[in-house]
Amino acid sequence: MKHTLYDGVIYHKRFHPKEHNFSYKFFMLDIDLKNLDELKNKWFSNNKFNLFSFNTKDHFGSSEDFIENVRTLLKKFELKESSKMRFITLPRILNFVFNPISLLVIFDSENKPDFLLAEVHNYNGGRVIYPIKLNKNNNSYKGEIMKDMYVSPFFNRDGKYDFSFKYDEENVSLKIDLYEENKKMLTASFSGNSLHYNEENLMKLFLKHTFLTTFVVIRTVWQSLKLYLKGIKFRKAEEIDTKRRH
């Protein structure tokens, strides 16, 4: 299993102080870090303009070598490099991207997800990386981490995230529950079905999702406006939440 495309749906549901939910079509790219150079084809480039592209500078680290940045990040969190590591993210489309979340998935010796490094961006220029230890729970892998960055103006800066991750060659799903003072405030999820990584499927996704990254921003602003009109209190970001940390 080398690179894979996952075509699916994002779903959000807010529970407090007022219920609000929405969903929209979305896709993600699952990169086999052992074969990073094999991303390149007619429609996809590394660090260059194309219909789709993967730019190292969009993610953690300062080197133009993405693998070097991964190794530096693993050392920071005192994690060992694995023989199998995947990076799940949204690539640039026509050189534009906004990535709410990307996942570096580290597998154990039994080929099971063992650790997530979740890279989260907000709309204020902030970025933080959450190290999440995964534990098998029925048919999924679960982990938790304390929230440490402003994301939505309608939630507190602090809280706790519960992650639930399912991954195989046919499907991927990620569900994140946000808790504030032990009260469930939000569920956000992505689920997608796999497509072979090839030029034909890239073109199909381009025709289906041409303006996806633009729509991610527009939809967020629109949903925020609807929440504001419902009378939900608006909170401002702190200075630390406007910086790219880690």
Protein backbone atom coordinates (compact mmCIF):
# COMPACT_ATOMS: atom_id res chain seq x y z
CA MET A 1 0.00 0.00 0.00
CA LYS A 2 1.76 3.13 -1.24
CA HIS A 3 0.08 6.51 -1.60
CA THR A 4 -3.71 6.51 -1.30
CA LEU A 5 -6.53 8.99 -1.84
CA TYR A 6 -9.53 9.08 0.47
CA ASP A 7 -12.70 10.64 -0.89
CA GLY A 8 -15.29 11.30 1.79
CA VAL A 9 -17.19 13.67 4.04
CA ILE A 10 -16.45 16.03 6.92
CA TYR A 11 -19.09 16.33 9.64
CA HIS A 12 -19.31 18.80 12.53
CA LYS A 13 -21.82 18.89 15.36
CA ARG A 14 -21.78 21.42 18.19
CA PHE A 15 -23.73 20.52 21.31
CA HIS A 16 -23.38 23.60 23.53
CA PRO A 17 -24.39 26.31 24.12
CA LYS A 18 -26.69 25.63 21.14
CA GLU A 19 -26.84 22.68 18.76
CA HIS A 20 -25.53 23.24 15.26
CA ASN A 21 -24.31 20.75 12.64
CA PHE A 22 -23.18 20.62 9.04
CA SER A 23 -21.32 18.35 6.60
CA TYR A 24 -19.56 18.69 3.27
CA LYS A 25 -17.58 16.62 0.79
CA PHE A 26 -13.85 16.43 1.35
CA PHE A 27 -10.84 14.35 0.39
CA MET A 28 -7.41 13.68 1.86
CA LEU A 29 -4.12 12.32 0.60
CA ASP A 30 -2.39 9.49 2.49
CA ILE A 31 1.35 9.65 1.79
CA ASP A 32 3.72 6.72 2.25
CA LEU A 33 6.81 8.52 3.58
CA LYS A 34 9.09 5.75 2.27
CA ASN A 35 8.08 6.68 -1.26
CA LEU A 36 7.64 10.46 -1.06
CA ASP A 37 9.24 11.08 -4.47
CA GLU A 38 6.70 8.81 -6.14
CA LEU A 39 3.97 11.40 -5.52
CA LYS A 40 5.13 13.20 -8.64
CA ASN A 41 3.20 12.65 -11.85
CA LYS A 42 1.44 14.64 -14.57
CA TRP A 43 -0.99 16.31 -12.15
CA PHE A 44 0.98 16.28 -8.90
CA SER A 45 4.25 17.98 -7.94
CA ASN A 46 6.45 18.31 -4.87
CA ASN A 47 7.22 21.94 -3.95
CA LYS A 48 6.13 23.14 -7.40
CA PHE A 49 2.94 24.45 -8.96
CA ASN A 50 0.53 21.92 -10.45
CA LEU A 51 -3.14 20.96 -10.20
CA PHE A 52 -2.12 19.32 -6.92
CA SER A 53 1.08 19.79 -4.96
CA PHE A 54 2.70 18.90 -1.66
CA ASN A 55 4.75 21.74 -0.20
CA THR A 56 7.12 21.02 2.67
CA LYS A 57 6.78 24.58 4.02
CA ASP A 58 3.07 23.98 4.71
CA HIS A 59 3.97 21.65 7.54
CA PHE A 60 6.31 21.29 10.51
CA GLY A 61 10.01 22.00 10.42
CA SER A 62 12.28 24.45 8.62
CA SER A 63 14.13 22.19 6.19
CA GLU A 64 13.04 21.78 2.57
CA ASP A 65 13.55 18.04 3.15
CA PHE A 66 10.24 16.80 4.61
CA ILE A 67 11.74 13.55 5.90
CA GLU A 68 14.40 15.49 7.79
CA ASN A 69 11.62 17.56 9.39
CA VAL A 70 9.79 14.39 10.39
CA ARG A 71 12.91 13.00 12.04
CA THR A 72 13.47 16.27 13.92
CA LEU A 73 9.87 16.18 15.12
CA LEU A 74 10.17 12.58 16.30
CA LYS A 75 13.26 13.49 18.33
CA LYS A 76 11.42 16.42 19.89
CA PHE A 77 8.69 14.10 21.17
CA GLU A 78 11.18 11.31 21.99
CA LEU A 79 9.64 8.93 19.48
CA LYS A 80 11.48 6.33 17.42
CA GLU A 81 11.39 6.37 13.65
CA SER A 82 9.21 3.53 12.39
CA SER A 83 9.61 1.41 9.26
CA LYS A 84 6.04 2.44 8.42
CA MET A 85 4.91 6.04 8.68
CA ARG A 86 2.07 7.74 6.81
CA PHE A 87 1.19 11.42 6.47
CA ILE A 88 -2.49 12.18 5.91
CA THR A 89 -3.19 15.70 4.71
CA LEU A 90 -4.93 17.90 2.16
CA PRO A 91 -2.57 18.81 -0.69
CA ARG A 92 -2.49 22.19 -2.35
CA ILE A 93 -5.00 22.63 -5.16
CA LEU A 94 -3.84 25.16 -7.77
CA ASN A 95 -1.29 26.25 -5.16
CA PHE A 96 -3.84 27.12 -2.46
CA VAL A 97 -4.49 25.19 0.74
CA PHE A 98 -5.82 25.47 4.26
CA ASN A 99 -5.22 22.41 6.42
CA PRO A 100 -7.34 22.32 9.58
CA ILE A 101 -5.60 19.06 10.54
CA SER A 102 -2.92 16.74 9.17
CA LEU A 103 -1.83 13.45 10.71
CA LEU A 104 1.58 11.82 10.95
CA VAL A 105 0.71 8.19 11.71
CA ILE A 106 3.43 6.05 13.27
CA PHE A 107 2.92 2.28 13.17
CA ASP A 108 4.32 -0.33 15.54
CA SER A 109 6.19 -3.53 14.68
CA GLU A 110 2.86 -5.32 14.17
CA ASN A 111 1.81 -2.78 11.55
CA LYS A 112 -0.81 -1.18 13.81
CA PRO A 113 -1.27 2.57 14.41
CA ASP A 114 0.68 3.40 17.56
CA PHE A 115 1.05 7.17 17.64
CA LEU A 116 -0.47 10.23 15.99
CA LEU A 117 1.25 13.56 15.64
CA ALA A 118 -1.74 15.78 14.83
CA GLU A 119 -0.80 19.08 13.19
CA VAL A 120 -3.62 21.60 13.74
CA HIS A 121 -3.87 25.03 12.08
CA ASN A 122 -6.27 27.82 12.93
CA TYR A 123 -7.41 30.84 10.90
CA ASN A 124 -5.20 33.20 12.90
CA GLY A 125 -1.88 31.89 11.59
CA GLY A 126 -1.41 29.56 14.55
CA ARG A 127 -0.21 25.98 14.44
CA VAL A 128 0.36 23.38 17.11
CA ILE A 129 1.31 19.69 17.05
CA TYR A 130 -0.37 17.27 19.44
CA PRO A 131 1.39 13.97 20.29
CA ILE A 132 -1.29 11.33 20.83
CA LYS A 133 -0.58 7.82 22.06
CA LEU A 134 -3.09 5.39 20.55
CA ASN A 135 -4.63 2.40 22.30
CA LYS A 136 -6.74 -0.30 20.66
CA ASN A 137 -10.39 -0.07 21.63
CA ASN A 138 -12.71 -2.53 19.89
CA ASN A 139 -12.33 -1.79 16.16
CA SER A 140 -10.64 1.60 16.50
CA TYR A 141 -7.63 3.28 18.07
CA LYS A 142 -8.22 5.93 20.71
CA GLY A 143 -6.19 8.62 22.43
CA GLU A 144 -6.63 11.90 24.23
CA ILE A 145 -4.75 15.18 24.63
CA MET A 146 -5.33 18.50 26.35
CA LYS A 147 -6.28 21.34 23.99
CA ASP A 148 -3.55 23.98 23.72
CA MET A 149 -4.60 26.39 20.96
CA TYR A 150 -7.49 28.67 20.09
CA VAL A 151 -9.39 27.25 17.11
CA SER A 152 -13.02 28.36 17.12
CA PRO A 153 -14.17 31.76 18.41
CA PHE A 154 -17.17 30.00 19.97
CA PHE A 155 -15.21 27.67 22.27
CA ASN A 156 -12.77 28.22 25.10
CA ARG A 157 -9.08 28.01 24.40
CA ASP A 158 -8.74 25.16 26.89
CA GLY A 159 -10.37 21.75 26.88
CA LYS A 160 -9.69 18.11 26.09
CA TYR A 161 -9.69 16.28 22.76
CA ASP A 162 -10.65 12.62 22.45
CA PHE A 163 -9.39 11.04 19.22
CA SER A 164 -10.85 7.95 17.57
CA PHE A 165 -8.96 6.65 14.53
CA LYS A 166 -9.76 3.80 12.13
CA TYR A 167 -7.43 2.90 9.31
CA ASP A 168 -7.14 0.18 6.69
CA GLU A 169 -6.64 -0.18 2.95
CA GLU A 170 -10.31 0.47 2.17
CA ASN A 171 -11.35 3.22 4.58
CA VAL A 172 -10.07 5.82 6.97
CA SER A 173 -11.97 7.71 9.65
CA LEU A 174 -11.00 10.24 12.27
CA LYS A 175 -13.37 11.50 14.95
CA ILE A 176 -12.45 14.19 17.46
CA ASP A 177 -14.63 15.02 20.45
CA LEU A 178 -14.00 18.26 22.32
CA TYR A 179 -14.80 18.45 26.03
CA GLU A 180 -14.87 21.50 28.26
CA GLU A 181 -15.17 20.84 32.01
CA ASN A 182 -16.25 17.25 31.23
CA LYS A 183 -19.06 18.48 28.98
CA LYS A 184 -19.07 17.33 25.35
CA MET A 185 -19.03 20.46 23.21
CA LEU A 186 -18.20 19.29 19.69
CA THR A 187 -17.78 16.26 17.45
CA ALA A 188 -15.77 16.71 14.26
CA SER A 189 -15.08 13.80 11.90
CA PHE A 190 -13.77 12.80 8.50
CA SER A 191 -14.51 9.46 6.87
CA GLY A 192 -13.42 8.45 3.41
CA ASN A 193 -13.17 5.52 1.02
CA SER A 194 -9.85 4.73 -0.64
CA LEU A 195 -8.99 5.41 -4.26
CA HIS A 196 -5.83 4.25 -6.00
CA TYR A 197 -3.29 7.03 -6.29
CA ASN A 198 -2.98 7.59 -10.04
CA GLU A 199 -3.40 10.36 -12.60
CA GLU A 200 -6.95 9.30 -13.51
CA ASN A 201 -8.23 9.52 -9.95
CA LEU A 202 -6.37 12.77 -9.32
CA MET A 203 -8.16 14.33 -12.29
CA LYS A 204 -11.51 13.01 -11.05
CA LEU A 205 -10.90 14.57 -7.65
CA PHE A 206 -9.76 17.83 -9.23
CA LEU A 207 -12.98 18.09 -11.23
CA LYS A 208 -15.02 17.22 -8.13
CA HIS A 209 -13.13 19.38 -5.63
CA THR A 210 -11.51 22.13 -7.73
CA PHE A 211 -12.29 24.89 -5.24
CA LEU A 212 -12.29 22.72 -2.13
CA THR A 213 -9.66 24.67 -0.20
CA THR A 214 -11.42 27.96 -0.96
CA PHE A 215 -14.74 26.46 0.09
CA VAL A 216 -13.21 25.23 3.38
CA VAL A 217 -12.56 28.87 4.30
CA ILE A 218 -15.87 30.17 2.94
CA ARG A 219 -17.88 27.47 4.70
CA THR A 220 -16.13 28.15 8.00
CA VAL A 221 -16.89 31.86 7.77
CA TRP A 222 -20.51 31.11 6.83
CA GLN A 223 -21.01 28.65 9.68
CA SER A 224 -19.39 31.11 12.10
CA LEU A 225 -21.79 33.81 10.95
CA LYS A 226 -24.76 31.53 11.60
CA LEU A 227 -23.46 30.76 15.09
CA TYR A 228 -22.95 34.47 15.78
CA LEU A 229 -26.52 35.20 14.68
CA LYS A 230 -27.68 32.54 17.15
CA GLY A 231 -26.23 34.73 19.88
CA ILE A 232 -23.23 32.60 20.86
CA LYS A 233 -20.46 34.51 22.62
CA PHE A 234 -17.46 35.41 20.46
CA ARG A 235 -13.93 34.92 21.88
CA LYS A 236 -10.65 36.36 20.61
CA ALA A 237 -7.35 34.55 20.04
CA GLU A 238 -4.37 35.13 22.31
CA GLU A 239 -1.02 36.19 20.85
CA ILE A 240 0.48 32.70 21.28
CA ASP A 241 -2.31 31.33 19.10
CA THR A 242 -1.15 33.39 16.13
CA LYS A 243 2.25 31.64 16.00
CA ARG A 244 3.41 28.42 14.32
CA ARG A 245 4.60 26.36 17.27
CA HIS A 246 6.80 23.23 17.07
